[in-house]
Structures are given as C-alpha cells and as structure tokens.
Amino acid sequence: MGVVLCALVVSVAQVSAAGGMDNAIVVRAARAFWSGGSPYADQRFFYFPSAMVAAAPQVLVPPAVLRVLVPAVMTGLLVAGWACALRLHGVPWRSRFAVLGLVGLAVGFAPFGHLVRLGNWTATAAAALPLALLLMSRGRWGAAGAVLGAAVALKPLLAPMVLLFVFARRWRGLGLMLLVPVVASGGSALLMRDPAEFFTRTLPSLLSGHEDFVRLYEASLGAVLPRLGVPQPVASAVAVGAAGVGLWCAYGRWRRGDGGPLRLTETACLLMLSVFLVSRPSFDHYLVAVLPLLLASAALPGSVARSPWFWLALVPQVPGFTWPYLELPTRRAFKDAMTLCVLALTLAWHRPPAEELAPAAPAHSPPESPSQSHPRGLRPFDPAKGAAPPGPSGSGAAPLDPRV
C-alpha cells in the first residue's frame, strides 16, 4: 500500500508545477493578495477569502518543494478520510479489507488520481466528511459542525451537510457549521482591498457556470444534457428536479433508519450526490468525497455498497477501460455523469436493512423471574442495593430479592 501511494506522489511531482493546476490557482490568488492586488481577478478562483489566507504560506515555499509537498498532503488527507470511514463502520485499520480498499481507490478509481494530480482542495472535504460523521456517530454533533465549518471555509463543497443537522435537529452543530466559515471568511475579507469582489465577480460566475472550456469537464446534468442537444432551460429544470427528488429521498433515508453508521453515511452521501447533480461546477473528483464512505460501509450487512448497481456505477471510472467515442478528455464528463446518476439512483432506491427498521425495545419491561434472566438461579451483584455477591438462590450465599 505504501509503495502504491508513494509512487503516485512521485509521479505527480514529476509532471506537475506548484503542486497541481488547481492548487496553483489558489497560490496565485494568495500571491496577488500579498502584492496588494485582488485575488478574485482570476475568474477560476471561486473560494472564500479564508481559503486565500490559508494558501498564503505556500507563497513562501519554493516551487520545487511544493511539487512534492502538495501531492503528499493531498494523499495524506485522502488516507485520513479512508481511516475515519473505516473507524465509522467498525473496520480495523490493519485489516485486509482496509488495505485492499485503499489500494483499490488509488489504482482502480480514476478520480482519486485526478484529485492528487490537480492538487484540488476537495481533499480537505474528503477528509472532513468521514471525520464529521464519525463524531456524529459518537454523539459529538457540535465538534462535527466545527469540522464541517472549517472544511467549508476552505472550500464550500460540504455546504449541503447543513441539511443533515436540520434532519437530526442538532441546532448547536448547525450553528457551529455556519459560524466557523462566516468568522473565518469575514476576518479574512477585512484584510483584502475590496472584499465585495467575491459577490460581484465570483458569486455570479458560480451561479451562471464557468467559461466554455471548463464546462466541457463538468458532470452535472445542467452541463451534460445541453451537449446532447437538450435546450439549456430544459436541462436546468431536469437537474433541479433530480436534485429535489434526491434531497427528498435523503430525508426519507434519515427517517427510516436508526442512529447507526449506515444511516449517517447513506443520508450524507445522498445529500452530496443530489447537489452534485445540479451544482455548477461538478467535477469527477468530487466523487472522492463520498465514495470512500460508501466503500467502507460494505463491511456492514445491508449496505448499498453490496448492491451490484453500486459497482456498475464505478465501471466508467476504471482506468484503462475504454469507451467508444468517449476517450477524448473533453468527453470524459459523460462518463462522470453516468457514474454520478447511477450512484444517486442506487442510493435513492436503496432501503435500510431490516435491523434498522426493527422497533426499539420497551423502556420499562416487566421483571423476569430469576430462572429466566439468569441461568441456574444466579442473581447479579448490585452494589447500589448493598446486595451480597452472587450465589445460588436458596443456598444462603445471597439473600432472595423480596420482589420475586
């Protein structure tokens, strides 16, 4: 496993500059900020001001170091996300499933390598989402909100997770998720010459889509359907409708399950995939934020990852698998859209396992007789009542319970 990941880092360092094309965009914005210019002069910089401040230390790092450091950090974040996903579903880190799963992601899932090569900050979301769900499973919703808020401050990819807090009625976690990026971005905006440019330049670009070159790589329905001849208004309506249905199914998945990890994982992933159907942009490496969670859930019975449709959705992302008429780089978006749609449909159609739907045991069940609750008439030691250590009933070693 270590050899595969190190080979990926070295290969990226040999061909990329400044740690990857996407990371270079953020570094240029930080360099423009240091020189007194506007980071939003670059139309491809569509992050919050806090991301620009977070990237500022890279300006001081030599480019030769960034070429190795950035892919190493990106790979480390993806490994951390995989480790949190394993812990969420109770899978040991040193198990064969953990090792082979990580190797499969690095070798057999093309968006994994694309993200590392680009140096895209989606890696922060890929690490933050499993960590946040792990904290939620342990009842620490406030800490989960802070983690998700910090990830949104770097890149607003996980913004749909506010709905998960609404579903669970965890208002403190929701408040922290909103407060952290607001404070971070607000404080960073005060350091800029013209912070309003985020609203006058970047936000309109996000709402209307990017330049024509970038649209060729977008996998959302609103970008793919027009390339197939569908009018843009119709494509946008279809994308919004599909996203709305997906969000409704996510709410239904939350209501149909218990508080276990499958409920958290499948609801969160369905929320993210539904938004990817309509968001602009929506690239293939966004899938890295949800796929490790779904893959790690295969260890649990009833998981959607045990469905054949889940694996069918991943076929277009297998490196080296050729598709007729789709091998041009600008046509890859059709394969990405297929994966996105099939994954979303599979999750929306999936039903939780029977044990999640079983009714909970009554809070106050009638007491059982000693012979039913304890074999051979043994009674447990109750320190609060001052009872004697357990012993056979009637032997004098332990007094009889007067309630029996």
Protein backbone atom coordinates (compact mmCIF):
# COMPACT_ATOMS: atom_id res chain seq x y z
CA MET A 1 0.00 0.00 0.00
CA GLY A 2 2.75 2.45 0.92
CA VAL A 3 4.58 1.70 -2.33
CA VAL A 4 1.46 2.48 -4.38
CA LEU A 5 0.83 5.79 -2.62
CA CYS A 6 4.48 6.85 -2.78
CA ALA A 7 4.58 6.03 -6.48
CA LEU A 8 1.53 8.23 -7.01
CA VAL A 9 3.13 11.15 -5.17
CA VAL A 10 6.41 10.83 -7.07
CA SER A 11 4.69 10.56 -10.45
CA VAL A 12 2.63 13.68 -9.74
CA ALA A 13 5.70 15.58 -8.55
CA GLN A 14 7.45 14.84 -11.82
CA VAL A 15 4.76 16.29 -14.08
CA SER A 16 3.02 18.99 -12.02
CA ALA A 17 4.04 22.52 -11.20
CA ALA A 18 3.25 24.27 -7.90
CA GLY A 19 1.59 21.09 -6.66
CA GLY A 20 -1.01 20.83 -9.41
CA MET A 21 -3.07 23.09 -11.64
CA ASP A 22 -5.91 23.70 -9.16
CA ASN A 23 -3.61 24.36 -6.23
CA ALA A 24 -1.68 26.80 -8.41
CA ILE A 25 -4.87 28.84 -8.83
CA VAL A 26 -5.18 29.28 -5.08
CA VAL A 27 -1.48 30.07 -4.76
CA ARG A 28 -1.75 32.75 -7.45
CA ALA A 29 -4.66 34.29 -5.56
CA ALA A 30 -2.60 34.33 -2.38
CA ARG A 31 0.35 35.85 -4.23
CA ALA A 32 -1.93 38.56 -5.65
CA PHE A 33 -3.14 39.26 -2.12
CA TRP A 34 0.44 39.58 -0.83
CA SER A 35 1.28 42.02 -3.61
CA GLY A 36 -1.74 44.21 -2.85
CA GLY A 37 -3.87 43.04 -5.76
CA SER A 38 -7.23 41.31 -5.88
CA PRO A 39 -7.30 37.50 -5.55
CA TYR A 40 -10.62 37.47 -7.42
CA ALA A 41 -9.09 38.94 -10.55
CA ASP A 42 -8.60 35.30 -11.59
CA GLN A 43 -12.03 34.02 -12.64
CA ARG A 44 -11.06 30.47 -11.70
CA PHE A 45 -10.55 31.40 -8.05
CA PHE A 46 -14.03 30.82 -6.61
CA TYR A 47 -13.16 30.07 -2.97
CA PHE A 48 -13.99 32.06 0.13
CA PRO A 49 -11.46 34.69 1.31
CA SER A 50 -10.43 32.33 4.12
CA ALA A 51 -9.03 29.89 1.54
CA MET A 52 -6.80 32.62 0.17
CA VAL A 53 -5.39 33.28 3.63
CA ALA A 54 -4.92 29.53 4.22
CA ALA A 55 -2.91 29.30 0.98
CA ALA A 56 -0.74 32.29 1.83
CA PRO A 57 2.07 30.21 3.45
CA GLN A 58 2.61 28.44 0.12
CA VAL A 59 3.83 31.71 -1.34
CA LEU A 60 6.93 31.41 0.85
CA VAL A 61 7.64 27.79 -0.15
CA PRO A 62 9.92 27.18 -3.14
CA PRO A 63 8.15 25.67 -6.17
CA ALA A 64 10.44 22.64 -6.13
CA VAL A 65 9.23 21.83 -2.61
CA LEU A 66 5.59 22.42 -3.50
CA ARG A 67 5.81 19.89 -6.30
CA VAL A 68 6.38 17.16 -3.71
CA LEU A 69 4.67 18.64 -0.67
CA VAL A 70 1.23 19.28 -2.18
CA PRO A 71 0.60 15.79 -3.64
CA ALA A 72 1.92 14.27 -0.42
CA VAL A 73 -0.51 16.35 1.65
CA MET A 74 -3.39 15.57 -0.71
CA THR A 75 -2.66 11.85 -0.49
CA GLY A 76 -2.38 12.08 3.29
CA LEU A 77 -5.79 13.76 3.53
CA LEU A 78 -7.36 11.04 1.40
CA VAL A 79 -5.78 8.33 3.55
CA ALA A 80 -7.03 10.09 6.70
CA GLY A 81 -10.55 10.20 5.25
CA TRP A 82 -10.38 6.48 4.47
CA ALA A 83 -9.19 5.74 8.02
CA CYS A 84 -12.10 7.71 9.52
CA ALA A 85 -14.56 5.93 7.22
CA LEU A 86 -13.20 2.58 8.40
CA ARG A 87 -13.48 3.57 12.05
CA LEU A 88 -17.03 4.81 11.48
CA HIS A 89 -18.08 1.36 10.25
CA GLY A 90 -16.04 -0.58 12.78
CA VAL A 91 -13.42 -1.92 10.35
CA PRO A 92 -9.88 -2.38 11.77
CA TRP A 93 -7.28 -0.19 10.12
CA ARG A 94 -4.86 -3.08 9.63
CA SER A 95 -7.37 -5.50 8.16
CA ARG A 96 -7.07 -6.82 4.63
CA PHE A 97 -10.26 -5.01 3.71
CA ALA A 98 -8.73 -1.69 4.80
CA VAL A 99 -5.50 -2.22 2.87
CA LEU A 100 -7.08 -3.59 -0.30
CA GLY A 101 -9.79 -0.94 -0.24
CA LEU A 102 -7.25 1.88 -0.16
CA VAL A 103 -5.19 0.28 -2.92
CA GLY A 104 -8.36 -0.16 -4.96
CA LEU A 105 -9.21 3.52 -4.56
CA ALA A 106 -5.71 4.62 -5.57
CA VAL A 107 -5.35 2.24 -8.52
CA GLY A 108 -8.87 1.41 -9.66
CA PHE A 109 -10.74 4.71 -9.18
CA ALA A 110 -9.58 7.37 -11.65
CA PRO A 111 -10.88 10.47 -9.75
CA PHE A 112 -8.58 9.57 -6.83
CA GLY A 113 -5.50 10.08 -9.00
CA HIS A 114 -7.04 13.08 -10.76
CA LEU A 115 -7.53 14.86 -7.45
CA VAL A 116 -3.92 14.30 -6.39
CA ARG A 117 -2.58 15.40 -9.79
CA LEU A 118 -4.65 18.57 -9.77
CA GLY A 119 -3.85 19.38 -6.16
CA ASN A 120 -7.52 20.21 -5.71
CA TRP A 121 -8.71 21.23 -2.27
CA THR A 122 -11.55 18.72 -2.48
CA ALA A 123 -9.15 16.55 -0.49
CA THR A 124 -9.99 18.61 2.60
CA ALA A 125 -13.66 17.71 2.17
CA ALA A 126 -12.76 14.04 1.59
CA ALA A 127 -11.08 14.01 5.00
CA ALA A 128 -13.58 16.24 6.85
CA LEU A 129 -16.79 14.43 5.90
CA PRO A 130 -15.84 10.96 7.30
CA LEU A 131 -14.39 12.61 10.40
CA ALA A 132 -17.58 14.60 10.96
CA LEU A 133 -19.78 11.52 10.53
CA LEU A 134 -17.56 9.62 12.97
CA LEU A 135 -18.07 12.38 15.53
CA MET A 136 -21.83 12.36 14.90
CA SER A 137 -21.97 8.61 15.50
CA ARG A 138 -20.44 9.24 18.92
CA GLY A 139 -22.90 11.98 19.76
CA ARG A 140 -20.45 14.87 19.29
CA TRP A 141 -22.54 16.93 16.89
CA GLY A 142 -21.01 20.21 17.98
CA ALA A 143 -17.50 19.04 17.13
CA ALA A 144 -18.80 17.66 13.83
CA GLY A 145 -20.27 21.06 12.99
CA ALA A 146 -16.94 22.74 13.71
CA VAL A 147 -15.09 20.27 11.46
CA LEU A 148 -17.53 20.75 8.60
CA GLY A 149 -17.45 24.52 9.07
CA ALA A 150 -13.66 24.53 8.80
CA ALA A 151 -13.87 22.46 5.60
CA VAL A 152 -16.45 24.86 4.13
CA ALA A 153 -14.18 27.79 4.97
CA LEU A 154 -11.51 26.19 2.76
CA LYS A 155 -13.88 25.02 0.02
CA PRO A 156 -17.69 25.19 0.17
CA LEU A 157 -18.15 21.65 -1.17
CA LEU A 158 -19.73 20.28 2.04
CA ALA A 159 -22.29 23.06 2.41
CA PRO A 160 -25.19 20.59 1.79
CA MET A 161 -24.38 18.99 5.16
CA VAL A 162 -26.39 21.74 6.86
CA LEU A 163 -29.44 19.69 5.90
CA LEU A 164 -28.17 16.73 7.89
CA PHE A 165 -28.14 18.86 11.03
CA VAL A 166 -31.65 20.03 10.19
CA PHE A 167 -32.83 16.42 9.75
CA ALA A 168 -31.33 15.49 13.12
CA ARG A 169 -32.46 18.75 14.79
CA ARG A 170 -28.96 19.36 16.09
CA TRP A 171 -29.07 23.14 16.20
CA ARG A 172 -25.81 23.63 18.10
CA GLY A 173 -23.87 21.70 15.47
CA LEU A 174 -25.68 23.60 12.73
CA GLY A 175 -24.79 26.91 14.34
CA LEU A 176 -21.12 25.99 14.56
CA MET A 177 -21.04 24.82 10.97
CA LEU A 178 -22.36 28.19 9.87
CA LEU A 179 -20.39 30.28 12.34
CA VAL A 180 -16.91 28.94 11.58
CA PRO A 181 -16.81 29.86 7.85
CA VAL A 182 -18.57 33.17 8.48
CA VAL A 183 -16.00 34.22 11.08
CA ALA A 184 -13.05 32.88 9.06
CA SER A 185 -14.16 34.46 5.80
CA GLY A 186 -15.25 37.69 7.45
CA GLY A 187 -11.91 38.10 9.20
CA SER A 188 -10.03 37.28 6.01
CA ALA A 189 -12.13 39.69 3.97
CA LEU A 190 -11.08 42.53 6.24
CA LEU A 191 -7.51 42.01 5.04
CA MET A 192 -8.48 42.40 1.39
CA ARG A 193 -8.54 45.62 -0.57
CA ASP A 194 -12.01 45.05 -1.99
CA PRO A 195 -13.81 42.11 -0.28
CA ALA A 196 -17.03 42.85 -2.18
CA GLU A 197 -15.48 41.33 -5.32
CA PHE A 198 -16.47 37.90 -4.08
CA PHE A 199 -20.11 38.94 -4.54
CA THR A 200 -19.61 40.97 -7.72
CA ARG A 201 -17.28 38.58 -9.58
CA THR A 202 -17.13 35.10 -8.08
CA LEU A 203 -20.70 34.51 -6.99
CA PRO A 204 -22.23 35.41 -10.39
CA SER A 205 -19.70 33.10 -12.03
CA LEU A 206 -20.73 30.24 -9.74
CA LEU A 207 -24.41 30.79 -10.46
CA SER A 208 -24.06 31.09 -14.21
CA GLY A 209 -21.35 28.49 -14.78
CA HIS A 210 -17.75 28.89 -15.90
CA GLU A 211 -16.17 29.60 -19.24
CA ASP A 212 -16.80 27.25 -22.11
CA PHE A 213 -13.55 25.34 -21.63
CA VAL A 214 -14.37 24.43 -18.03
CA ARG A 215 -17.94 23.44 -18.90
CA LEU A 216 -16.58 20.63 -21.06
CA TYR A 217 -15.40 18.88 -17.88
CA GLU A 218 -18.50 19.42 -15.72
CA ALA A 219 -20.53 16.32 -14.89
CA SER A 220 -23.77 17.90 -13.64
CA LEU A 221 -26.93 17.35 -15.64
CA GLY A 222 -27.19 21.05 -16.37
CA ALA A 223 -23.84 20.91 -18.17
CA VAL A 224 -24.03 17.49 -19.83
CA LEU A 225 -27.55 17.49 -21.25
CA PRO A 226 -27.05 20.62 -23.40
CA ARG A 227 -24.09 18.91 -25.04
CA LEU A 228 -26.52 16.17 -26.09
CA GLY A 229 -28.86 18.67 -27.75
CA VAL A 230 -31.21 19.37 -24.84
CA PRO A 231 -32.12 23.07 -24.52
CA GLN A 232 -30.46 24.74 -21.57
CA PRO A 233 -33.72 25.69 -19.77
CA VAL A 234 -34.96 22.11 -20.03
CA ALA A 235 -31.61 20.73 -18.83
CA SER A 236 -31.61 23.09 -15.87
CA ALA A 237 -35.16 22.09 -14.96
CA VAL A 238 -34.27 18.40 -15.16
CA ALA A 239 -31.20 18.95 -12.96
CA VAL A 240 -33.16 20.88 -10.35
CA GLY A 241 -35.92 18.28 -10.34
CA ALA A 242 -33.46 15.41 -9.96
CA ALA A 243 -31.70 17.19 -7.13
CA GLY A 244 -35.00 17.87 -5.39
CA VAL A 245 -36.01 14.21 -5.60
CA GLY A 246 -32.63 13.20 -4.26
CA LEU A 247 -32.91 15.54 -1.29
CA TRP A 248 -36.37 14.19 -0.52
CA CYS A 249 -35.04 10.63 -0.66
CA ALA A 250 -32.21 11.63 1.68
CA TYR A 251 -34.76 12.89 4.20
CA GLY A 252 -36.69 9.63 3.83
CA ARG A 253 -33.50 7.62 4.37
CA TRP A 254 -32.86 9.54 7.57
CA ARG A 255 -36.36 8.86 8.87
CA ARG A 256 -36.27 5.15 8.01
CA GLY A 257 -33.14 4.25 9.95
CA ASP A 258 -31.78 4.13 13.47
CA GLY A 259 -28.79 6.08 14.71
CA GLY A 260 -26.24 3.69 13.23
CA PRO A 261 -23.39 4.43 10.83
CA LEU A 262 -25.29 3.28 7.74
CA ARG A 263 -27.97 5.86 8.35
CA LEU A 264 -25.41 8.64 8.67
CA THR A 265 -23.33 7.50 5.71
CA GLU A 266 -26.10 6.92 3.22
CA THR A 267 -28.02 10.06 4.14
CA ALA A 268 -24.92 12.26 3.91
CA CYS A 269 -23.78 10.71 0.61
CA LEU A 270 -27.25 11.04 -0.93
CA LEU A 271 -27.31 14.70 0.08
CA MET A 272 -23.96 15.31 -1.59
CA LEU A 273 -24.76 13.36 -4.77
CA SER A 274 -28.08 15.15 -5.14
CA VAL A 275 -26.37 18.53 -5.03
CA PHE A 276 -23.68 17.34 -7.47
CA LEU A 277 -26.46 16.69 -10.00
CA VAL A 278 -27.30 20.38 -10.16
CA SER A 279 -24.27 22.27 -8.87
CA ARG A 280 -22.02 24.25 -11.18
CA PRO A 281 -19.27 23.19 -11.27
CA SER A 282 -19.44 19.46 -10.61
CA PHE A 283 -16.26 17.57 -11.49
CA ASP A 284 -15.31 13.91 -11.30
CA HIS A 285 -13.02 14.32 -8.29
CA TYR A 286 -16.00 15.48 -6.21
CA LEU A 287 -16.93 11.79 -6.03
CA VAL A 288 -13.88 11.19 -3.84
CA ALA A 289 -15.73 12.94 -1.00
CA VAL A 290 -18.41 10.23 -0.88
CA LEU A 291 -17.03 7.03 -2.40
CA PRO A 292 -14.64 6.06 0.46
CA LEU A 293 -17.56 6.29 2.90
CA LEU A 294 -19.75 4.06 0.76
CA LEU A 295 -16.94 1.60 0.08
CA ALA A 296 -16.09 1.27 3.78
CA SER A 297 -19.75 0.57 4.56
CA ALA A 298 -19.52 -2.66 2.54
CA ALA A 299 -18.37 -4.34 5.75
CA LEU A 300 -21.88 -3.95 7.20
CA PRO A 301 -24.87 -6.11 6.16
CA GLY A 302 -27.49 -4.26 4.17
CA SER A 303 -25.08 -1.63 2.87
CA VAL A 304 -25.70 -0.08 -0.52
CA ALA A 305 -22.11 -0.97 -1.40
CA ARG A 306 -23.21 -4.61 -1.55
CA SER A 307 -25.58 -3.85 -4.40
CA PRO A 308 -24.40 -4.78 -7.91
CA TRP A 309 -25.64 -1.39 -9.13
CA PHE A 310 -23.10 0.31 -6.89
CA TRP A 311 -20.25 -1.47 -8.63
CA LEU A 312 -21.81 -0.96 -12.04
CA ALA A 313 -21.76 2.79 -11.40
CA LEU A 314 -18.00 2.65 -10.83
CA VAL A 315 -17.17 0.88 -14.11
CA PRO A 316 -16.76 4.16 -16.09
CA GLN A 317 -14.12 5.26 -13.56
CA VAL A 318 -11.83 2.27 -14.01
CA PRO A 319 -8.53 3.50 -15.52
CA GLY A 320 -7.73 1.94 -18.87
CA PHE A 321 -11.29 0.82 -19.56
CA THR A 322 -12.00 2.29 -23.00
CA TRP A 323 -15.39 3.56 -24.04
CA PRO A 324 -16.28 4.13 -27.72
CA TYR A 325 -16.40 7.81 -28.67
CA LEU A 326 -15.73 8.92 -25.07
CA GLU A 327 -11.97 8.70 -24.78
CA LEU A 328 -11.28 12.34 -25.64
CA PRO A 329 -10.52 14.36 -22.49
CA THR A 330 -13.37 16.77 -23.16
CA ARG A 331 -15.84 13.87 -23.40
CA ARG A 332 -14.95 12.36 -20.08
CA ALA A 333 -17.77 14.34 -18.48
CA PHE A 334 -20.28 11.91 -20.00
CA LYS A 335 -18.71 9.01 -18.12
CA ASP A 336 -18.61 11.06 -14.93
CA ALA A 337 -22.27 11.99 -15.34
CA MET A 338 -23.18 8.33 -15.74
CA THR A 339 -21.38 7.42 -12.53
CA LEU A 340 -22.99 10.29 -10.69
CA CYS A 341 -26.51 9.48 -11.86
CA VAL A 342 -26.30 5.72 -11.25
CA LEU A 343 -24.84 6.23 -7.78
CA ALA A 344 -27.57 8.71 -6.88
CA LEU A 345 -30.30 6.42 -8.21
CA THR A 346 -28.85 3.41 -6.38
CA LEU A 347 -28.78 5.27 -3.08
CA ALA A 348 -32.25 6.74 -3.59
CA TRP A 349 -33.71 3.31 -4.35
CA HIS A 350 -31.85 1.55 -1.53
CA ARG A 351 -33.76 0.51 1.56
CA PRO A 352 -32.16 0.17 5.02
CA PRO A 353 -31.57 -3.31 6.41
CA ALA A 354 -34.28 -4.97 8.49
CA GLU A 355 -32.46 -4.48 11.79
CA GLU A 356 -32.60 -0.71 11.36
CA LEU A 357 -36.36 -0.86 10.95
CA ALA A 358 -36.97 -3.15 13.94
CA PRO A 359 -38.96 -1.44 16.72
CA ALA A 360 -36.99 -0.48 19.77
CA ALA A 361 -37.41 -2.50 22.96
CA PRO A 362 -39.84 -1.01 25.53
CA ALA A 363 -38.23 1.28 28.05
CA HIS A 364 -39.85 -0.46 31.06
CA SER A 365 -40.17 -4.17 30.53
CA PRO A 366 -41.65 -6.39 33.26
CA PRO A 367 -39.08 -8.06 35.51
CA GLU A 368 -38.18 -11.59 34.64
CA SER A 369 -38.01 -14.43 37.09
CA PRO A 370 -34.55 -15.48 38.26
CA SER A 371 -34.71 -18.69 36.28
CA GLN A 372 -35.44 -16.78 33.09
CA SER A 373 -32.98 -13.94 33.43
CA HIS A 374 -30.04 -15.75 35.00
CA PRO A 375 -29.07 -19.38 34.45
CA ARG A 376 -29.09 -21.74 37.43
CA GLY A 377 -30.85 -19.17 39.57
CA LEU A 378 -27.84 -16.83 39.83
CA ARG A 379 -28.52 -13.21 40.68
CA PRO A 380 -26.20 -10.32 39.75
CA PHE A 381 -24.39 -8.32 42.37
CA ASP A 382 -25.96 -4.87 42.79
CA PRO A 383 -23.61 -2.53 44.72
CA ALA A 384 -26.22 0.22 44.87
CA LYS A 385 -28.55 -2.00 46.90
CA GLY A 386 -25.86 -3.48 49.01
CA ALA A 387 -26.61 -6.99 47.92
CA ALA A 388 -24.20 -9.81 48.59
CA PRO A 389 -22.09 -11.30 45.80
CA PRO A 390 -23.99 -13.60 43.50
CA GLY A 391 -24.57 -17.15 44.51
CA PRO A 392 -27.09 -19.94 44.02
CA SER A 393 -30.55 -18.95 45.14
CA GLY A 394 -31.64 -20.66 48.34
CA SER A 395 -28.07 -21.57 49.34
CA GLY A 396 -27.65 -18.75 51.83
CA ALA A 397 -24.85 -17.15 49.81
CA ALA A 398 -27.11 -14.34 48.57
CA PRO A 399 -30.42 -13.13 50.04
CA LEU A 400 -33.54 -13.51 47.98
CA ASP A 401 -34.91 -10.45 46.29
CA PRO A 402 -38.16 -9.61 48.10
CA ARG A 403 -39.75 -8.50 44.82
CA VAL A 404 -39.62 -12.05 43.42
